[in-house]
Amino acid sequence: MTAASNAQKLSPRARRALILMAVGAPVGFAVGRVLIWLKRQGHWRDLDFSSSDVVSLGLAAFLVAVGLATMLVSLSRKALGRQINGDDGARAATPAQASFYAGQGGVLVLAGVMLAAPPLAGAMVAPLSPLLASAVMTGLITVFLIQTAGNITLWVRSDELMRRTMAETAAVSYGLLQGLLFLWAAGEKLALLPPLTLWDAVNANMIAYLLISMIVAWRRGFVD
């Protein structure tokens, strides 16, 4: 069996994943080498990220990357149609579907920006002046309101299956995280567990929500 015949048996999503890895790996390596070189040249010498900040920046990078990839796919209605239907011969997506997926990508990018802004501002400008901190907070509030409006718009435009998926994700996340945060708080109160900051809780909430959303989407048939 030839390599060509093996490639033909791969699903469109698997082929796209391989292409993204083939392109992303050298790009990521090059960016990493540039950052290391800049660090050795004395740039960003005073940057000090805590472990919680590193987790936040990693989550932010993931959200922005997925959001941009979603927006990029939505630019091609034919490519989006293949992604939705999982078939090379599938019909092109409608303009409404392309707009919906572009909106989904947009809210993901905004979520990544909100996660990245506080740790970046605190690390790059130290000490952070009250004026600059207020400016960053004002920007975060603005982005939060825009993202909230975007999420509401997506909910209104969603079909019944998508709404059930979103509602199930929210319900499971709320119930699970409420219980886990209570147990952690109780352990902290009893001096059995280390204290968590609110930013740690935000990171835990985001990680859990992403995992739960992927599991629910898989169960509902949105992910192969």
N, C-alpha and C. Protein backbone atom coordinates (compact mmCIF):
# COMPACT_ATOMS: atom_id res chain seq x y z
N MET A 1 0.85 -1.20 0.00
CA MET A 1 0.00 0.00 0.00
C MET A 1 0.88 1.24 0.00
N THR A 2 0.61 2.15 -0.90
CA THR A 2 1.45 3.32 -1.05
C THR A 2 1.08 4.38 -0.05
N ALA A 3 2.00 5.38 0.08
CA ALA A 3 1.73 6.49 0.98
C ALA A 3 0.56 7.31 0.48
N ALA A 4 0.40 7.39 -0.85
CA ALA A 4 -0.71 8.16 -1.41
C ALA A 4 -2.05 7.55 -1.02
N SER A 5 -2.12 6.18 -1.10
CA SER A 5 -3.38 5.54 -0.72
C SER A 5 -3.67 5.69 0.75
N ASN A 6 -2.63 5.69 1.58
CA ASN A 6 -2.83 5.92 3.01
C ASN A 6 -3.34 7.33 3.26
N ALA A 7 -2.80 8.31 2.53
CA ALA A 7 -3.23 9.69 2.71
C ALA A 7 -4.68 9.87 2.31
N GLN A 8 -5.12 9.09 1.26
CA GLN A 8 -6.49 9.22 0.82
C GLN A 8 -7.48 8.72 1.86
N LYS A 9 -7.03 7.79 2.75
CA LYS A 9 -7.91 7.25 3.76
C LYS A 9 -8.04 8.17 4.97
N LEU A 10 -7.19 9.17 5.06
CA LEU A 10 -7.29 10.12 6.17
C LEU A 10 -8.51 11.00 5.99
N SER A 11 -9.16 11.31 7.10
CA SER A 11 -10.30 12.22 7.04
C SER A 11 -9.82 13.63 6.73
N PRO A 12 -10.69 14.48 6.21
CA PRO A 12 -10.29 15.87 5.93
C PRO A 12 -9.74 16.57 7.17
N ARG A 13 -10.32 16.31 8.34
CA ARG A 13 -9.83 16.96 9.56
C ARG A 13 -8.44 16.47 9.91
N ALA A 14 -8.18 15.15 9.69
CA ALA A 14 -6.85 14.62 9.99
C ALA A 14 -5.81 15.22 9.06
N ARG A 15 -6.17 15.39 7.78
CA ARG A 15 -5.23 16.00 6.84
C ARG A 15 -4.95 17.44 7.21
N ARG A 16 -6.01 18.17 7.62
CA ARG A 16 -5.80 19.57 8.02
C ARG A 16 -4.92 19.65 9.26
N ALA A 17 -5.12 18.70 10.19
CA ALA A 17 -4.29 18.70 11.40
C ALA A 17 -2.83 18.45 11.05
N LEU A 18 -2.57 17.51 10.11
CA LEU A 18 -1.20 17.22 9.70
C LEU A 18 -0.58 18.43 9.01
N ILE A 19 -1.38 19.12 8.19
CA ILE A 19 -0.86 20.31 7.50
C ILE A 19 -0.53 21.40 8.52
N LEU A 20 -1.43 21.60 9.50
CA LEU A 20 -1.18 22.61 10.52
C LEU A 20 0.06 22.29 11.35
N MET A 21 0.25 20.99 11.65
CA MET A 21 1.45 20.61 12.39
C MET A 21 2.71 20.83 11.56
N ALA A 22 2.62 20.49 10.27
CA ALA A 22 3.79 20.65 9.40
C ALA A 22 4.17 22.12 9.24
N VAL A 23 3.16 23.00 9.23
CA VAL A 23 3.43 24.42 9.09
C VAL A 23 3.76 25.04 10.45
N GLY A 24 2.99 24.65 11.47
CA GLY A 24 3.14 25.28 12.78
C GLY A 24 4.42 24.92 13.50
N ALA A 25 4.91 23.68 13.32
CA ALA A 25 6.12 23.26 14.03
C ALA A 25 7.33 24.13 13.70
N PRO A 26 7.67 24.29 12.41
CA PRO A 26 8.83 25.16 12.12
C PRO A 26 8.60 26.62 12.49
N VAL A 27 7.35 27.09 12.33
CA VAL A 27 7.07 28.48 12.71
C VAL A 27 7.24 28.67 14.21
N GLY A 28 6.69 27.73 14.99
CA GLY A 28 6.84 27.81 16.44
C GLY A 28 8.29 27.72 16.87
N PHE A 29 9.05 26.84 16.21
CA PHE A 29 10.48 26.72 16.54
C PHE A 29 11.21 28.02 16.24
N ALA A 30 10.90 28.62 15.09
CA ALA A 30 11.57 29.87 14.72
C ALA A 30 11.23 30.99 15.69
N VAL A 31 9.96 31.09 16.07
CA VAL A 31 9.56 32.12 17.02
C VAL A 31 10.25 31.91 18.36
N GLY A 32 10.32 30.66 18.79
CA GLY A 32 10.99 30.36 20.05
C GLY A 32 12.46 30.72 20.03
N ARG A 33 13.12 30.45 18.91
CA ARG A 33 14.54 30.79 18.79
C ARG A 33 14.74 32.30 18.82
N VAL A 34 13.84 33.04 18.17
CA VAL A 34 13.93 34.50 18.19
C VAL A 34 13.75 35.03 19.60
N LEU A 35 12.78 34.50 20.33
CA LEU A 35 12.54 34.95 21.70
C LEU A 35 13.74 34.65 22.60
N ILE A 36 14.33 33.47 22.42
CA ILE A 36 15.51 33.11 23.21
C ILE A 36 16.67 34.05 22.88
N TRP A 37 16.84 34.37 21.60
CA TRP A 37 17.92 35.28 21.20
C TRP A 37 17.71 36.67 21.79
N LEU A 38 16.47 37.16 21.75
CA LEU A 38 16.18 38.46 22.34
C LEU A 38 16.44 38.47 23.85
N LYS A 39 16.11 37.35 24.48
CA LYS A 39 16.36 37.26 25.92
C LYS A 39 17.85 37.31 26.21
N ARG A 40 18.65 36.63 25.41
CA ARG A 40 20.09 36.63 25.61
C ARG A 40 20.71 37.99 25.31
N GLN A 41 20.06 38.76 24.46
CA GLN A 41 20.56 40.09 24.13
C GLN A 41 20.20 41.12 25.19
N GLY A 42 19.50 40.71 26.22
CA GLY A 42 19.17 41.61 27.31
C GLY A 42 17.76 42.14 27.31
N HIS A 43 16.96 41.76 26.31
CA HIS A 43 15.58 42.20 26.28
C HIS A 43 14.76 41.38 27.26
N TRP A 44 13.78 42.03 27.88
CA TRP A 44 12.86 41.36 28.80
C TRP A 44 13.58 40.73 29.98
N ARG A 45 14.72 41.29 30.35
CA ARG A 45 15.52 40.71 31.43
C ARG A 45 14.76 40.73 32.75
N ASP A 46 13.95 41.76 32.94
CA ASP A 46 13.27 41.93 34.22
C ASP A 46 11.88 41.29 34.25
N LEU A 47 11.52 40.60 33.19
CA LEU A 47 10.21 39.95 33.21
C LEU A 47 10.20 38.82 34.22
N ASP A 48 9.18 38.80 35.03
CA ASP A 48 9.07 37.77 36.07
C ASP A 48 7.64 37.25 36.09
N PHE A 49 7.43 36.09 35.48
CA PHE A 49 6.11 35.49 35.43
C PHE A 49 6.00 34.40 36.50
N SER A 50 4.91 34.44 37.25
CA SER A 50 4.64 33.37 38.19
C SER A 50 4.11 32.16 37.43
N SER A 51 4.03 31.03 38.13
CA SER A 51 3.50 29.82 37.48
C SER A 51 2.06 30.03 37.03
N SER A 52 1.29 30.79 37.83
CA SER A 52 -0.09 31.09 37.44
C SER A 52 -0.14 31.95 36.19
N ASP A 53 0.80 32.90 36.07
CA ASP A 53 0.87 33.74 34.87
C ASP A 53 1.21 32.91 33.63
N VAL A 54 2.11 31.96 33.80
CA VAL A 54 2.50 31.11 32.68
C VAL A 54 1.31 30.29 32.20
N VAL A 55 0.52 29.76 33.14
CA VAL A 55 -0.68 29.00 32.77
C VAL A 55 -1.65 29.90 32.02
N SER A 56 -1.83 31.13 32.52
CA SER A 56 -2.75 32.08 31.88
C SER A 56 -2.30 32.38 30.46
N LEU A 57 -1.00 32.64 30.28
CA LEU A 57 -0.49 32.97 28.94
C LEU A 57 -0.60 31.78 28.01
N GLY A 58 -0.39 30.57 28.53
CA GLY A 58 -0.57 29.38 27.70
C GLY A 58 -2.01 29.21 27.25
N LEU A 59 -2.95 29.40 28.18
CA LEU A 59 -4.36 29.33 27.83
C LEU A 59 -4.73 30.43 26.83
N ALA A 60 -4.20 31.63 27.05
CA ALA A 60 -4.49 32.74 26.15
C ALA A 60 -3.98 32.44 24.74
N ALA A 61 -2.76 31.91 24.65
CA ALA A 61 -2.20 31.57 23.33
C ALA A 61 -3.06 30.51 22.65
N PHE A 62 -3.53 29.53 23.41
CA PHE A 62 -4.39 28.48 22.84
C PHE A 62 -5.69 29.07 22.32
N LEU A 63 -6.33 29.92 23.12
CA LEU A 63 -7.60 30.52 22.71
C LEU A 63 -7.43 31.39 21.47
N VAL A 64 -6.37 32.19 21.45
CA VAL A 64 -6.14 33.06 20.29
C VAL A 64 -5.85 32.23 19.04
N ALA A 65 -5.04 31.17 19.19
CA ALA A 65 -4.70 30.33 18.04
C ALA A 65 -5.95 29.65 17.48
N VAL A 66 -6.77 29.08 18.36
CA VAL A 66 -7.99 28.41 17.90
C VAL A 66 -8.96 29.42 17.28
N GLY A 67 -9.06 30.60 17.92
CA GLY A 67 -9.95 31.62 17.39
C GLY A 67 -9.53 32.10 16.01
N LEU A 68 -8.24 32.36 15.85
CA LEU A 68 -7.75 32.81 14.54
C LEU A 68 -7.91 31.72 13.48
N ALA A 69 -7.65 30.46 13.87
CA ALA A 69 -7.83 29.36 12.92
C ALA A 69 -9.29 29.24 12.50
N THR A 70 -10.21 29.40 13.46
CA THR A 70 -11.64 29.34 13.14
C THR A 70 -12.04 30.47 12.21
N MET A 71 -11.54 31.68 12.49
CA MET A 71 -11.85 32.81 11.62
C MET A 71 -11.26 32.62 10.24
N LEU A 72 -10.06 32.03 10.17
CA LEU A 72 -9.43 31.80 8.87
C LEU A 72 -10.22 30.80 8.04
N VAL A 73 -10.68 29.73 8.67
CA VAL A 73 -11.49 28.74 7.95
C VAL A 73 -12.79 29.35 7.48
N SER A 74 -13.37 30.23 8.29
CA SER A 74 -14.66 30.82 7.93
C SER A 74 -14.56 31.72 6.70
N LEU A 75 -13.35 32.13 6.33
CA LEU A 75 -13.18 32.97 5.14
C LEU A 75 -13.45 32.20 3.85
N SER A 76 -13.30 30.87 3.91
CA SER A 76 -13.56 30.02 2.75
C SER A 76 -14.82 29.21 3.03
N ARG A 77 -15.90 29.53 2.36
CA ARG A 77 -17.15 28.81 2.59
C ARG A 77 -17.03 27.34 2.18
N LYS A 78 -16.20 27.06 1.17
CA LYS A 78 -16.02 25.68 0.74
C LYS A 78 -15.27 24.88 1.81
N ALA A 79 -14.20 25.46 2.34
CA ALA A 79 -13.44 24.78 3.40
C ALA A 79 -14.28 24.62 4.65
N LEU A 80 -15.08 25.62 4.97
CA LEU A 80 -15.94 25.53 6.14
C LEU A 80 -17.01 24.47 5.96
N GLY A 81 -17.53 24.35 4.73
CA GLY A 81 -18.51 23.30 4.46
C GLY A 81 -17.93 21.92 4.65
N ARG A 82 -16.66 21.72 4.25
CA ARG A 82 -16.02 20.43 4.47
C ARG A 82 -15.83 20.16 5.96
N GLN A 83 -15.50 21.20 6.72
CA GLN A 83 -15.30 21.02 8.15
C GLN A 83 -16.61 20.69 8.86
N ILE A 84 -17.69 21.34 8.44
CA ILE A 84 -18.98 21.10 9.09
C ILE A 84 -19.50 19.71 8.77
N ASN A 85 -19.39 19.30 7.49
CA ASN A 85 -19.99 18.04 7.05
C ASN A 85 -19.01 16.88 7.02
N GLY A 86 -17.69 17.20 7.12
CA GLY A 86 -16.70 16.12 7.12
C GLY A 86 -16.65 15.34 5.83
N ASP A 87 -16.83 16.01 4.73
CA ASP A 87 -16.88 15.32 3.44
C ASP A 87 -16.25 16.22 2.39
N ASP A 88 -15.33 15.66 1.59
CA ASP A 88 -14.67 16.45 0.55
C ASP A 88 -15.67 16.98 -0.48
N GLY A 89 -16.75 16.23 -0.69
CA GLY A 89 -17.71 16.65 -1.69
C GLY A 89 -18.87 17.43 -1.11
N ALA A 90 -18.75 17.87 0.11
CA ALA A 90 -19.85 18.58 0.77
C ALA A 90 -20.08 19.94 0.14
N ARG A 91 -21.31 20.41 0.25
CA ARG A 91 -21.63 21.73 -0.30
C ARG A 91 -20.98 22.81 0.55
N ALA A 92 -20.79 23.96 -0.05
CA ALA A 92 -20.17 25.07 0.66
C ALA A 92 -21.09 25.56 1.78
N ALA A 93 -20.48 26.10 2.81
CA ALA A 93 -21.25 26.66 3.91
C ALA A 93 -22.01 27.89 3.44
N THR A 94 -23.10 28.17 4.11
CA THR A 94 -23.89 29.35 3.78
C THR A 94 -23.22 30.59 4.36
N PRO A 95 -23.56 31.78 3.84
CA PRO A 95 -23.01 33.01 4.44
C PRO A 95 -23.32 33.14 5.92
N ALA A 96 -24.52 32.69 6.34
CA ALA A 96 -24.87 32.75 7.76
C ALA A 96 -23.96 31.85 8.59
N GLN A 97 -23.65 30.66 8.07
CA GLN A 97 -22.75 29.76 8.79
C GLN A 97 -21.34 30.34 8.87
N ALA A 98 -20.87 30.92 7.78
CA ALA A 98 -19.54 31.53 7.78
C ALA A 98 -19.48 32.68 8.79
N SER A 99 -20.52 33.48 8.83
CA SER A 99 -20.57 34.58 9.79
C SER A 99 -20.61 34.07 11.22
N PHE A 100 -21.34 32.99 11.46
CA PHE A 100 -21.44 32.41 12.80
C PHE A 100 -20.09 31.91 13.29
N TYR A 101 -19.38 31.18 12.42
CA TYR A 101 -18.07 30.65 12.82
C TYR A 101 -17.04 31.76 12.98
N ALA A 102 -17.14 32.79 12.16
CA ALA A 102 -16.25 33.94 12.34
C ALA A 102 -16.50 34.59 13.69
N GLY A 103 -17.76 34.67 14.10
CA GLY A 103 -18.08 35.21 15.41
C GLY A 103 -17.55 34.34 16.53
N GLN A 104 -17.65 33.03 16.37
CA GLN A 104 -17.09 32.12 17.37
C GLN A 104 -15.59 32.33 17.52
N GLY A 105 -14.90 32.44 16.39
CA GLY A 105 -13.46 32.71 16.46
C GLY A 105 -13.15 34.03 17.12
N GLY A 106 -13.99 35.03 16.85
CA GLY A 106 -13.77 36.35 17.43
C GLY A 106 -13.88 36.35 18.95
N VAL A 107 -14.90 35.66 19.49
CA VAL A 107 -15.06 35.66 20.95
C VAL A 107 -13.92 34.87 21.62
N LEU A 108 -13.39 33.85 20.93
CA LEU A 108 -12.25 33.12 21.47
C LEU A 108 -11.01 34.01 21.53
N VAL A 109 -10.79 34.78 20.48
CA VAL A 109 -9.65 35.69 20.47
C VAL A 109 -9.78 36.72 21.59
N LEU A 110 -10.97 37.27 21.77
CA LEU A 110 -11.18 38.25 22.84
C LEU A 110 -10.95 37.62 24.22
N ALA A 111 -11.37 36.36 24.40
CA ALA A 111 -11.13 35.68 25.67
C ALA A 111 -9.63 35.52 25.92
N GLY A 112 -8.88 35.19 24.87
CA GLY A 112 -7.43 35.08 25.02
C GLY A 112 -6.79 36.40 25.37
N VAL A 113 -7.26 37.48 24.76
CA VAL A 113 -6.72 38.81 25.06
C VAL A 113 -6.98 39.17 26.52
N MET A 114 -8.18 38.88 27.01
CA MET A 114 -8.50 39.19 28.40
C MET A 114 -7.64 38.40 29.38
N LEU A 115 -7.35 37.15 29.04
CA LEU A 115 -6.51 36.33 29.92
C LEU A 115 -5.06 36.79 29.92
N ALA A 116 -4.58 37.26 28.77
CA ALA A 116 -3.17 37.61 28.65
C ALA A 116 -2.85 39.00 29.18
N ALA A 117 -3.80 39.92 29.09
CA ALA A 117 -3.51 41.32 29.41
C ALA A 117 -3.03 41.55 30.84
N PRO A 118 -3.70 41.03 31.89
CA PRO A 118 -3.24 41.33 33.26
C PRO A 118 -1.82 40.83 33.57
N PRO A 119 -1.48 39.56 33.28
CA PRO A 119 -0.11 39.14 33.59
C PRO A 119 0.95 39.84 32.74
N LEU A 120 0.63 40.13 31.48
CA LEU A 120 1.60 40.83 30.63
C LEU A 120 1.82 42.25 31.14
N ALA A 121 0.74 42.94 31.50
CA ALA A 121 0.88 44.31 31.99
C ALA A 121 1.68 44.34 33.29
N GLY A 122 1.39 43.39 34.19
CA GLY A 122 2.10 43.37 35.46
C GLY A 122 3.56 43.01 35.33
N ALA A 123 3.90 42.19 34.32
CA ALA A 123 5.29 41.76 34.17
C ALA A 123 6.12 42.74 33.34
N MET A 124 5.51 43.35 32.34
CA MET A 124 6.27 44.22 31.44
C MET A 124 6.44 45.63 31.99
N VAL A 125 5.53 46.05 32.85
CA VAL A 125 5.64 47.39 33.45
C VAL A 125 5.61 47.22 34.96
N ALA A 126 6.77 47.14 35.56
CA ALA A 126 6.87 46.94 37.01
C ALA A 126 7.72 48.06 37.61
N PRO A 127 7.23 48.76 38.62
CA PRO A 127 5.88 48.58 39.19
C PRO A 127 4.81 49.21 38.32
N LEU A 128 3.63 48.63 38.35
CA LEU A 128 2.52 49.10 37.53
C LEU A 128 1.86 50.30 38.22
N SER A 129 1.88 51.43 37.53
CA SER A 129 1.32 52.64 38.13
C SER A 129 -0.21 52.53 38.18
N PRO A 130 -0.83 53.23 39.14
CA PRO A 130 -2.30 53.20 39.23
C PRO A 130 -2.98 53.68 37.95
N LEU A 131 -2.38 54.67 37.27
CA LEU A 131 -2.97 55.19 36.05
C LEU A 131 -2.97 54.14 34.95
N LEU A 132 -1.83 53.46 34.78
CA LEU A 132 -1.75 52.43 33.75
C LEU A 132 -2.63 51.23 34.11
N ALA A 133 -2.66 50.87 35.40
CA ALA A 133 -3.51 49.77 35.83
C ALA A 133 -4.98 50.09 35.55
N SER A 134 -5.37 51.33 35.79
CA SER A 134 -6.76 51.74 35.51
C SER A 134 -7.05 51.68 34.02
N ALA A 135 -6.06 52.07 33.21
CA ALA A 135 -6.25 52.02 31.76
C ALA A 135 -6.42 50.59 31.27
N VAL A 136 -5.59 49.67 31.81
CA VAL A 136 -5.70 48.26 31.44
C VAL A 136 -7.06 47.71 31.87
N MET A 137 -7.49 48.07 33.09
CA MET A 137 -8.78 47.58 33.59
C MET A 137 -9.93 48.12 32.76
N THR A 138 -9.84 49.38 32.35
CA THR A 138 -10.88 49.95 31.49
C THR A 138 -10.95 49.21 30.17
N GLY A 139 -9.78 48.90 29.60
CA GLY A 139 -9.75 48.13 28.37
C GLY A 139 -10.34 46.75 28.54
N LEU A 140 -10.05 46.10 29.68
CA LEU A 140 -10.59 44.77 29.94
C LEU A 140 -12.11 44.81 30.06
N ILE A 141 -12.62 45.83 30.74
CA ILE A 141 -14.08 45.95 30.87
C ILE A 141 -14.72 46.14 29.50
N THR A 142 -14.09 46.95 28.65
CA THR A 142 -14.61 47.17 27.31
C THR A 142 -14.62 45.89 26.49
N VAL A 143 -13.50 45.15 26.53
CA VAL A 143 -13.41 43.89 25.80
C VAL A 143 -14.41 42.88 26.35
N PHE A 144 -14.56 42.86 27.68
CA PHE A 144 -15.52 41.94 28.30
C PHE A 144 -16.94 42.21 27.83
N LEU A 145 -17.31 43.48 27.76
CA LEU A 145 -18.66 43.83 27.30
C LEU A 145 -18.86 43.44 25.83
N ILE A 146 -17.82 43.66 25.01
CA ILE A 146 -17.91 43.28 23.60
C ILE A 146 -18.04 41.77 23.46
N GLN A 147 -17.23 41.03 24.23
CA GLN A 147 -17.29 39.58 24.15
C GLN A 147 -18.62 39.04 24.65
N THR A 148 -19.16 39.65 25.71
CA THR A 148 -20.46 39.24 26.22
C THR A 148 -21.55 39.44 25.17
N ALA A 149 -21.51 40.60 24.51
CA ALA A 149 -22.47 40.86 23.44
C ALA A 149 -22.31 39.83 22.31
N GLY A 150 -21.05 39.48 22.00
CA GLY A 150 -20.80 38.47 20.98
C GLY A 150 -21.35 37.11 21.36
N ASN A 151 -21.16 36.72 22.62
CA ASN A 151 -21.68 35.43 23.09
C ASN A 151 -23.20 35.39 23.05
N ILE A 152 -23.83 36.49 23.43
CA ILE A 152 -25.30 36.54 23.38
C ILE A 152 -25.79 36.44 21.94
N THR A 153 -25.09 37.13 21.04
CA THR A 153 -25.45 37.07 19.62
C THR A 153 -25.33 35.65 19.09
N LEU A 154 -24.24 34.96 19.45
CA LEU A 154 -24.06 33.57 19.01
C LEU A 154 -25.15 32.67 19.56
N TRP A 155 -25.55 32.91 20.81
CA TRP A 155 -26.62 32.10 21.42
C TRP A 155 -27.93 32.30 20.65
N VAL A 156 -28.24 33.54 20.33
CA VAL A 156 -29.48 33.83 19.61
C VAL A 156 -29.48 33.18 18.23
N ARG A 157 -28.31 33.17 17.59
CA ARG A 157 -28.22 32.65 16.22
C ARG A 157 -28.04 31.13 16.18
N SER A 158 -27.80 30.50 17.31
CA SER A 158 -27.54 29.06 17.34
C SER A 158 -28.83 28.27 17.09
N ASP A 159 -28.65 27.05 16.55
CA ASP A 159 -29.80 26.17 16.43
C ASP A 159 -30.02 25.45 17.77
N GLU A 160 -31.04 24.63 17.83
CA GLU A 160 -31.42 23.98 19.09
C GLU A 160 -30.33 23.05 19.60
N LEU A 161 -29.68 22.30 18.70
CA LEU A 161 -28.63 21.38 19.12
C LEU A 161 -27.44 22.13 19.71
N MET A 162 -27.06 23.23 19.06
CA MET A 162 -25.95 24.02 19.57
C MET A 162 -26.29 24.63 20.93
N ARG A 163 -27.52 25.08 21.08
CA ARG A 163 -27.92 25.66 22.35
C ARG A 163 -27.90 24.61 23.46
N ARG A 164 -28.35 23.41 23.16
CA ARG A 164 -28.31 22.35 24.16
C ARG A 164 -26.87 22.02 24.56
N THR A 165 -25.98 22.04 23.57
CA THR A 165 -24.57 21.78 23.85
C THR A 165 -23.98 22.85 24.75
N MET A 166 -24.27 24.11 24.44
CA MET A 166 -23.77 25.21 25.25
C MET A 166 -24.36 25.18 26.66
N ALA A 167 -25.66 24.88 26.76
CA ALA A 167 -26.31 24.83 28.07
C ALA A 167 -25.77 23.67 28.90
N GLU A 168 -25.54 22.52 28.27
CA GLU A 168 -25.01 21.38 28.99
C GLU A 168 -23.60 21.65 29.49
N THR A 169 -22.79 22.29 28.64
CA THR A 169 -21.43 22.64 29.05
C THR A 169 -21.44 23.58 30.25
N ALA A 170 -22.30 24.60 30.19
CA ALA A 170 -22.39 25.56 31.29
C ALA A 170 -22.87 24.90 32.57
N ALA A 171 -23.87 24.02 32.47
CA ALA A 171 -24.43 23.37 33.65
C ALA A 171 -23.41 22.44 34.31
N VAL A 172 -22.74 21.62 33.50
CA VAL A 172 -21.75 20.69 34.05
C VAL A 172 -20.58 21.46 34.66
N SER A 173 -20.14 22.51 33.96
CA SER A 173 -19.02 23.30 34.48
C SER A 173 -19.38 23.96 35.81
N TYR A 174 -20.57 24.53 35.89
CA TYR A 174 -20.99 25.20 37.12
C TYR A 174 -21.07 24.21 38.29
N GLY A 175 -21.75 23.09 38.06
CA GLY A 175 -21.91 22.11 39.14
C GLY A 175 -20.58 21.52 39.59
N LEU A 176 -19.74 21.15 38.63
CA LEU A 176 -18.47 20.53 38.98
C LEU A 176 -17.54 21.53 39.67
N LEU A 177 -17.40 22.71 39.08
CA LEU A 177 -16.47 23.69 39.64
C LEU A 177 -16.94 24.21 40.99
N GLN A 178 -18.24 24.35 41.18
CA GLN A 178 -18.75 24.79 42.47
C GLN A 178 -18.36 23.81 43.57
N GLY A 179 -18.52 22.52 43.27
CA GLY A 179 -18.15 21.51 44.25
C GLY A 179 -16.65 21.47 44.52
N LEU A 180 -15.85 21.52 43.44
CA LEU A 180 -14.41 21.45 43.62
C LEU A 180 -13.85 22.67 44.34
N LEU A 181 -14.38 23.86 44.01
CA LEU A 181 -13.91 25.06 44.70
C LEU A 181 -14.30 25.04 46.18
N PHE A 182 -15.49 24.51 46.47
CA PHE A 182 -15.88 24.40 47.88
C PHE A 182 -14.94 23.46 48.63
N LEU A 183 -14.64 22.30 48.04
CA LEU A 183 -13.76 21.34 48.70
C LEU A 183 -12.36 21.92 48.89
N TRP A 184 -11.88 22.65 47.87
CA TRP A 184 -10.55 23.26 48.01
C TRP A 184 -10.57 24.33 49.10
N ALA A 185 -11.62 25.15 49.14
CA ALA A 185 -11.73 26.19 50.16
C ALA A 185 -11.81 25.57 51.56
N ALA A 186 -12.52 24.45 51.66
CA ALA A 186 -12.60 23.78 52.96
C ALA A 186 -11.23 23.24 53.37
N GLY A 187 -10.52 22.63 52.42
CA GLY A 187 -9.18 22.14 52.73
C GLY A 187 -8.23 23.26 53.09
N GLU A 188 -8.38 24.41 52.42
CA GLU A 188 -7.56 25.56 52.74
C GLU A 188 -7.88 26.09 54.14
N LYS A 189 -9.17 26.12 54.48
CA LYS A 189 -9.58 26.59 55.80
C LYS A 189 -9.06 25.69 56.90
N LEU A 190 -8.94 24.40 56.60
CA LEU A 190 -8.46 23.43 57.57
C LEU A 190 -6.94 23.28 57.53
N ALA A 191 -6.27 24.13 56.75
CA ALA A 191 -4.81 24.13 56.62
C ALA A 191 -4.29 22.83 56.03
N LEU A 192 -5.11 22.20 55.19
CA LEU A 192 -4.70 20.97 54.53
C LEU A 192 -4.24 21.21 53.10
N LEU A 193 -4.65 22.32 52.51
CA LEU A 193 -4.31 22.64 51.13
C LEU A 193 -3.75 24.06 51.06
N PRO A 194 -2.87 24.32 50.08
CA PRO A 194 -2.32 25.67 49.94
C PRO A 194 -3.39 26.64 49.47
N PRO A 195 -3.25 27.93 49.81
CA PRO A 195 -4.26 28.92 49.39
C PRO A 195 -4.21 29.16 47.88
N LEU A 196 -5.37 29.44 47.33
CA LEU A 196 -5.49 29.79 45.92
C LEU A 196 -5.86 31.26 45.79
N THR A 197 -5.30 31.90 44.80
CA THR A 197 -5.71 33.27 44.49
C THR A 197 -6.91 33.22 43.54
N LEU A 198 -7.56 34.36 43.40
CA LEU A 198 -8.67 34.42 42.45
C LEU A 198 -8.19 34.15 41.02
N TRP A 199 -6.95 34.56 40.72
CA TRP A 199 -6.42 34.30 39.38
C TRP A 199 -6.18 32.81 39.16
N ASP A 200 -5.75 32.10 40.21
CA ASP A 200 -5.64 30.64 40.11
C ASP A 200 -7.01 30.02 39.83
N ALA A 201 -8.04 30.55 40.50
CA ALA A 201 -9.39 30.03 40.28
C ALA A 201 -9.85 30.29 38.85
N VAL A 202 -9.49 31.46 38.29
CA VAL A 202 -9.85 31.76 36.90
C VAL A 202 -9.18 30.76 35.96
N ASN A 203 -7.91 30.47 36.20
CA ASN A 203 -7.21 29.49 35.36
C ASN A 203 -7.87 28.12 35.45
N ALA A 204 -8.17 27.68 36.67
CA ALA A 204 -8.81 26.38 36.86
C ALA A 204 -10.17 26.33 36.19
N ASN A 205 -10.92 27.42 36.29
CA ASN A 205 -12.24 27.49 35.67
C ASN A 205 -12.13 27.40 34.14
N MET A 206 -11.15 28.10 33.56
CA MET A 206 -11.01 28.09 32.11
C MET A 206 -10.57 26.72 31.61
N ILE A 207 -9.62 26.10 32.31
CA ILE A 207 -9.15 24.77 31.90
C ILE A 207 -10.30 23.76 31.96
N ALA A 208 -11.04 23.78 33.07
CA ALA A 208 -12.15 22.85 33.22
C ALA A 208 -13.21 23.09 32.17
N TYR A 209 -13.52 24.36 31.90
CA TYR A 209 -14.55 24.67 30.91
C TYR A 209 -14.15 24.18 29.52
N LEU A 210 -12.89 24.38 29.15
CA LEU A 210 -12.43 23.94 27.83
C LEU A 210 -12.51 22.42 27.71
N LEU A 211 -12.07 21.71 28.76
CA LEU A 211 -12.13 20.25 28.72
C LEU A 211 -13.57 19.75 28.65
N ILE A 212 -14.43 20.34 29.48
CA ILE A 212 -15.83 19.91 29.49
C ILE A 212 -16.50 20.22 28.16
N SER A 213 -16.22 21.40 27.59
CA SER A 213 -16.83 21.75 26.31
C SER A 213 -16.40 20.79 25.21
N MET A 214 -15.13 20.35 25.23
CA MET A 214 -14.68 19.41 24.21
C MET A 214 -15.35 18.05 24.39
N ILE A 215 -15.52 17.60 25.64
CA ILE A 215 -16.18 16.33 25.89
C ILE A 215 -17.64 16.38 25.47
N VAL A 216 -18.33 17.46 25.84
CA VAL A 216 -19.74 17.60 25.47
C VAL A 216 -19.89 17.70 23.95
N ALA A 217 -19.00 18.46 23.30
CA ALA A 217 -19.07 18.58 21.84
C ALA A 217 -18.83 17.23 21.18
N TRP A 218 -17.93 16.43 21.74
CA TRP A 218 -17.67 15.09 21.19
C TRP A 218 -18.90 14.20 21.35
N ARG A 219 -19.53 14.27 22.51
CA ARG A 219 -20.73 13.47 22.75
C ARG A 219 -21.89 13.88 21.83
N ARG A 220 -21.95 15.14 21.51
CA ARG A 220 -23.02 15.64 20.66
C ARG A 220 -22.72 15.45 19.16
N GLY A 221 -21.52 14.97 18.84
CA GLY A 221 -21.18 14.72 17.45
C GLY A 221 -20.55 15.88 16.71
N PHE A 222 -20.15 16.94 17.47
CA PHE A 222 -19.51 18.07 16.80
C PHE A 222 -18.04 17.82 16.53
N VAL A 223 -17.44 16.85 17.22
CA VAL A 223 -16.02 16.53 17.06
C VAL A 223 -15.89 15.07 16.75
N ASP A 224 -15.11 14.75 15.73
CA ASP A 224 -14.89 13.35 15.36
C ASP A 224 -13.90 12.69 16.30
